[in-house]
């Protein structure tokens, strides 16, 4: 059977849980969802350090957004 590289690429279910990351991240905002996505699949794409740095970038952006929102309240 040919993999479905559009809807369910093999690395999407490579996590030991068998769960696709989107099942978790669709309940989050964009920045948190992207951070989780990069962490979730960091060891599946070949450059874990780069993916963890990307996750860190999204987490820092979310912290800045929340800090800004708190100061505006």
C-alpha atoms as a PDB file:
ATOM      1  CA  UNK A   1       0.000   0.000   0.000  1.00  0.00           C
ATOM      2  CA  UNK A   2       1.338   3.436  -0.951  1.00  0.00           C
ATOM      3  CA  UNK A   3       1.694   5.892   1.941  1.00  0.00           C
ATOM      4  CA  UNK A   4      -0.713   8.844   1.985  1.00  0.00           C
ATOM      5  CA  UNK A   5       1.869  11.640   2.045  1.00  0.00           C
ATOM      6  CA  UNK A   6      -0.817  14.335   1.977  1.00  0.00           C
ATOM      7  CA  UNK A   7      -3.226  13.333   4.742  1.00  0.00           C
ATOM      8  CA  UNK A   8      -1.198  10.933   6.888  1.00  0.00           C
ATOM      9  CA  UNK A   9       2.541  10.892   6.096  1.00  0.00           C
ATOM     10  CA  UNK A  10       4.326   8.018   7.857  1.00  0.00           C
ATOM     11  CA  UNK A  11       6.326  10.337  10.162  1.00  0.00           C
ATOM     12  CA  UNK A  12       3.056  11.799  11.496  1.00  0.00           C
ATOM     13  CA  UNK A  13       2.347   8.509  13.290  1.00  0.00           C
ATOM     14  CA  UNK A  14       5.959   7.672  14.114  1.00  0.00           C
ATOM     15  CA  UNK A  15       5.524   8.760  17.738  1.00  0.00           C
ATOM     16  CA  UNK A  16       5.579   5.703  20.048  1.00  0.00           C
ATOM     17  CA  UNK A  17       2.017   6.509  21.165  1.00  0.00           C
ATOM     18  CA  UNK A  18       0.726   6.064  17.604  1.00  0.00           C
ATOM     19  CA  UNK A  19      -1.192   9.317  18.004  1.00  0.00           C
ATOM     20  CA  UNK A  20      -0.926  12.010  15.378  1.00  0.00           C
ATOM     21  CA  UNK A  21       0.272  15.311  16.766  1.00  0.00           C
ATOM     22  CA  UNK A  22      -2.714  17.158  15.301  1.00  0.00           C
ATOM     23  CA  UNK A  23      -5.022  15.246  17.652  1.00  0.00           C
ATOM     24  CA  UNK A  24      -3.362  17.190  20.480  1.00  0.00           C
ATOM     25  CA  UNK A  25      -2.464  20.508  18.872  1.00  0.00           C
ATOM     26  CA  UNK A  26      -5.857  21.259  17.341  1.00  0.00           C
ATOM     27  CA  UNK A  27      -6.977  22.175  20.870  1.00  0.00           C
ATOM     28  CA  UNK A  28      -4.255  24.845  21.247  1.00  0.00           C
ATOM     29  CA  UNK A  29      -3.512  28.228  19.769  1.00  0.00           C
ATOM     30  CA  UNK A  30      -1.109  28.510  16.834  1.00  0.00           C
ATOM     31  CA  UNK A  31       2.132  29.152  18.728  1.00  0.00           C
ATOM     32  CA  UNK A  32       1.611  26.458  21.346  1.00  0.00           C
ATOM     33  CA  UNK A  33       0.457  23.976  18.715  1.00  0.00           C
ATOM     34  CA  UNK A  34       3.524  24.608  16.581  1.00  0.00           C
ATOM     35  CA  UNK A  35       5.846  24.286  19.574  1.00  0.00           C
ATOM     36  CA  UNK A  36       4.301  20.921  20.444  1.00  0.00           C
ATOM     37  CA  UNK A  37       4.511  19.825  16.802  1.00  0.00           C
ATOM     38  CA  UNK A  38       8.244  20.536  16.656  1.00  0.00           C
ATOM     39  CA  UNK A  39       8.863  18.800  19.985  1.00  0.00           C
ATOM     40  CA  UNK A  40       6.633  15.830  19.080  1.00  0.00           C
ATOM     41  CA  UNK A  41       8.422  15.104  15.808  1.00  0.00           C
ATOM     42  CA  UNK A  42      11.937  16.360  16.640  1.00  0.00           C
ATOM     43  CA  UNK A  43      13.502  12.915  16.451  1.00  0.00           C
ATOM     44  CA  UNK A  44      11.656  11.879  13.296  1.00  0.00           C
ATOM     45  CA  UNK A  45      12.988  14.406  10.791  1.00  0.00           C
ATOM     46  CA  UNK A  46      16.755  14.254  11.172  1.00  0.00           C
ATOM     47  CA  UNK A  47      17.648  17.520  12.909  1.00  0.00           C
ATOM     48  CA  UNK A  48      16.280  17.414  16.449  1.00  0.00           C
ATOM     49  CA  UNK A  49      18.287  20.420  17.659  1.00  0.00           C
ATOM     50  CA  UNK A  50      16.875  22.654  14.930  1.00  0.00           C
ATOM     51  CA  UNK A  51      13.324  21.490  15.646  1.00  0.00           C
ATOM     52  CA  UNK A  52      13.782  22.111  19.374  1.00  0.00           C
ATOM     53  CA  UNK A  53      15.076  25.603  18.594  1.00  0.00           C
ATOM     54  CA  UNK A  54      11.963  26.209  16.500  1.00  0.00           C
ATOM     55  CA  UNK A  55       9.790  25.010  19.388  1.00  0.00           C
ATOM     56  CA  UNK A  56      11.633  27.383  21.720  1.00  0.00           C
ATOM     57  CA  UNK A  57      10.988  30.271  19.301  1.00  0.00           C
ATOM     58  CA  UNK A  58       7.239  29.595  19.329  1.00  0.00           C
ATOM     59  CA  UNK A  59       7.161  29.246  23.126  1.00  0.00           C
ATOM     60  CA  UNK A  60       9.020  32.535  23.551  1.00  0.00           C
ATOM     61  CA  UNK A  61       6.608  34.228  21.156  1.00  0.00           C
ATOM     62  CA  UNK A  62       3.643  32.904  23.149  1.00  0.00           C
ATOM     63  CA  UNK A  63       5.195  34.128  26.418  1.00  0.00           C
ATOM     64  CA  UNK A  64       5.674  37.581  24.878  1.00  0.00           C
ATOM     65  CA  UNK A  65       2.066  37.633  23.660  1.00  0.00           C
ATOM     66  CA  UNK A  66       0.695  36.643  27.051  1.00  0.00           C
ATOM     67  CA  UNK A  67       2.952  39.097  28.881  1.00  0.00           C
ATOM     68  CA  UNK A  68       1.807  41.902  26.572  1.00  0.00           C
ATOM     69  CA  UNK A  69      -1.860  40.933  27.090  1.00  0.00           C
ATOM     70  CA  UNK A  70      -1.444  40.906  30.872  1.00  0.00           C
ATOM     71  CA  UNK A  71       0.102  44.371  30.859  1.00  0.00           C
ATOM     72  CA  UNK A  72      -2.769  45.686  28.726  1.00  0.00           C
ATOM     73  CA  UNK A  73      -5.385  44.361  31.154  1.00  0.00           C
END
